[in-house]
Protein backbone atom coordinates (compact mmCIF):
# COMPACT_ATOMS: atom_id res chain seq x y z
CA UNK A 1 30.41 -1.03 -42.90
CA UNK A 2 27.30 -3.01 -43.78
CA UNK A 3 24.05 -2.69 -41.88
CA UNK A 4 23.39 -5.64 -39.61
CA UNK A 5 19.85 -6.85 -39.63
CA UNK A 6 18.20 -8.99 -37.04
CA UNK A 7 15.00 -10.97 -37.23
CA UNK A 8 12.63 -8.27 -38.53
CA UNK A 9 14.52 -5.70 -36.42
CA UNK A 10 16.94 -2.98 -37.45
CA UNK A 11 18.79 -0.44 -35.35
CA UNK A 12 18.22 3.23 -36.07
CA UNK A 13 21.77 4.64 -36.11
CA UNK A 14 20.71 8.13 -35.00
CA UNK A 15 18.69 7.15 -31.89
CA UNK A 16 20.34 3.78 -31.21
CA UNK A 17 16.90 2.22 -30.82
CA UNK A 18 15.52 -0.84 -32.53
CA UNK A 19 13.20 -0.41 -35.47
CA UNK A 20 10.70 -3.25 -35.45
CA UNK A 21 8.73 -4.22 -38.51
CA UNK A 22 5.39 -5.49 -37.31
CA UNK A 23 3.27 -7.66 -39.57
CA UNK A 24 0.85 -5.32 -41.30
CA UNK A 25 -2.62 -6.00 -42.57
CA UNK A 26 -2.29 -3.53 -45.41
CA UNK A 27 0.80 -2.49 -47.38
CA UNK A 28 0.56 1.21 -46.43
CA UNK A 29 1.71 0.63 -42.82
CA UNK A 30 5.11 1.96 -41.77
CA UNK A 31 7.61 0.22 -39.49
CA UNK A 32 7.34 0.90 -35.75
CA UNK A 33 10.14 2.96 -34.17
CA UNK A 34 10.72 2.74 -30.43
CA UNK A 35 11.34 6.30 -29.28
CA UNK A 36 13.67 7.18 -26.46
CA UNK A 37 15.21 10.36 -25.18
CA UNK A 38 18.78 11.20 -26.02
CA UNK A 39 21.23 11.82 -23.23
CA UNK A 40 20.81 15.32 -21.84
CA UNK A 41 17.40 15.81 -23.41
CA UNK A 42 14.83 16.95 -20.84
CA UNK A 43 11.08 17.16 -20.89
CA UNK A 44 9.64 20.58 -21.43
CA UNK A 45 8.02 21.98 -18.26
CA UNK A 46 4.29 22.44 -18.29
CA UNK A 47 3.35 26.04 -17.59
CA UNK A 48 0.00 26.52 -15.94
CA UNK A 49 -1.92 29.69 -16.44
CA UNK A 50 -1.96 31.84 -13.31
CA UNK A 51 -4.54 34.55 -12.80
CA UNK A 52 -2.59 37.80 -12.37
CA UNK A 53 -5.46 39.58 -10.61
CA UNK A 54 -5.32 37.27 -7.57
CA UNK A 55 -1.57 37.79 -7.19
CA UNK A 56 -2.07 41.54 -7.23
CA UNK A 57 -4.84 41.62 -4.58
CA UNK A 58 -4.60 38.94 -1.85
CA UNK A 59 -7.61 40.30 0.10
CA UNK A 60 -9.96 39.65 -2.80
CA UNK A 61 -8.46 36.18 -3.14
CA UNK A 62 -9.47 35.35 0.46
CA UNK A 63 -12.98 36.61 -0.13
CA UNK A 64 -13.24 34.51 -3.28
CA UNK A 65 -12.16 31.38 -1.35
CA UNK A 66 -14.77 32.03 1.39
CA UNK A 67 -17.49 32.51 -1.20
CA UNK A 68 -16.40 29.32 -2.96
CA UNK A 69 -16.56 27.23 0.25
CA UNK A 70 -19.95 28.73 1.12
CA UNK A 71 -21.25 27.66 -2.28
CA UNK A 72 -19.98 24.09 -1.80
CA UNK A 73 -21.81 23.38 1.49
CA UNK A 74 -24.62 25.89 1.98
CA UNK A 75 -26.68 23.73 4.40
CA UNK A 76 -24.01 21.67 6.17
CA UNK A 77 -25.17 20.78 9.72
CA UNK A 78 -22.96 21.64 12.65
CA UNK A 79 -20.41 19.24 14.13
CA UNK A 80 -22.63 17.95 16.96
CA UNK A 81 -25.47 16.97 14.61
CA UNK A 82 -23.01 15.14 12.36
CA UNK A 83 -21.47 13.34 15.36
CA UNK A 84 -24.95 12.37 16.57
CA UNK A 85 -25.75 10.87 13.16
CA UNK A 86 -22.50 8.94 13.26
CA UNK A 87 -23.18 7.50 16.71
CA UNK A 88 -26.73 6.56 15.70
CA UNK A 89 -25.30 4.77 12.67
CA UNK A 90 -22.88 2.83 14.85
CA UNK A 91 -25.64 1.79 17.26
CA UNK A 92 -27.87 0.67 14.41
CA UNK A 93 -25.06 -1.44 12.92
CA UNK A 94 -24.33 -3.03 16.32
CA UNK A 95 -28.00 -4.01 16.61
CA UNK A 96 -27.69 -5.94 13.33
CA UNK A 97 -24.82 -8.08 14.66
CA UNK A 98 -25.66 -11.64 15.68
CA UNK A 99 -23.91 -11.97 19.01
CA UNK A 100 -22.80 -15.44 20.19
CA UNK A 101 -24.48 -17.08 23.17
CA UNK A 102 -22.68 -17.40 26.50
CA UNK A 103 -22.07 -21.14 26.03
CA UNK A 104 -20.37 -20.54 22.66
CA UNK A 105 -18.12 -17.90 24.18
CA UNK A 106 -17.18 -20.22 27.06
CA UNK A 107 -16.37 -23.09 24.66
CA UNK A 108 -14.21 -20.86 22.45
CA UNK A 109 -12.39 -19.46 25.49
CA UNK A 110 -11.69 -22.98 26.78
CA UNK A 111 -10.28 -24.06 23.40
CA UNK A 112 -7.99 -21.04 23.29
CA UNK A 113 -6.72 -21.65 26.83
CA UNK A 114 -6.03 -25.35 26.13
CA UNK A 115 -4.08 -24.53 22.96
CA UNK A 116 -2.04 -21.83 24.74
CA UNK A 117 -1.17 -24.17 27.63
CA UNK A 118 -0.23 -26.97 25.21
CA UNK A 119 2.12 -24.66 23.29
CA UNK A 120 3.61 -23.44 26.59
CA UNK A 121 4.38 -27.00 27.68
CA UNK A 122 5.92 -27.95 24.32
CA UNK A 123 8.08 -24.83 24.12
CA UNK A 124 9.13 -25.17 27.77
CA UNK A 125 10.21 -28.78 27.12
CA UNK A 126 12.23 -27.81 24.04
CA UNK A 127 13.89 -24.97 25.95
CA UNK A 128 14.68 -27.24 28.92
CA UNK A 129 16.29 -29.91 26.72
CA UNK A 130 18.33 -27.45 24.65
CA UNK A 131 19.54 -25.59 27.75
CA UNK A 132 20.55 -28.88 29.40
CA UNK A 133 22.42 -30.03 26.29
CA UNK A 134 24.21 -26.68 26.01
CA UNK A 135 25.35 -26.82 29.65
CA UNK A 136 26.36 -30.46 29.19
CA UNK A 137 28.64 -29.47 26.31
CA UNK A 138 30.04 -26.31 27.94
CA UNK A 139 30.23 -27.20 31.67
CA UNK A 140 30.15 -30.98 31.52
CA UNK A 141 26.99 -31.39 33.59
CA UNK A 142 23.24 -31.22 32.99
CA UNK A 143 21.58 -27.95 34.00
CA UNK A 144 18.63 -28.29 36.35
CA UNK A 145 16.23 -25.38 36.18
CA UNK A 146 14.28 -25.91 39.41
CA UNK A 147 17.12 -27.27 41.57
CA UNK A 148 20.03 -24.99 42.23
């Protein structure tokens, strides 16, 4: 059986992957092979080195951890000082905010209320018409919401 060749691509019969010849600048370059794993082939697990002395003596391991954390933060202030700094930071940021004037707040509130009421009226009208049409089709008469 003859080898089939594609446009600058061949199939490696062992791996069933395409072998692509890329245009090379110099003649010493080799064709590129796309590598893939064969079925059933797994990656090798990475084994990390474990210190055997810590597994043998857990008490010394705890002491080592305490010493390590003490070295990380030797002069860390207590929780209340850190919370105080945080609250002071919040207050200082709130002082930098440009707050709107009362008139601006009232105008914005009025706009929001008008838009909400307008949407309520439109949606109520759509609901009223669709409910009336549904009852007209099903019961043969228009449904009145406010009159029973």
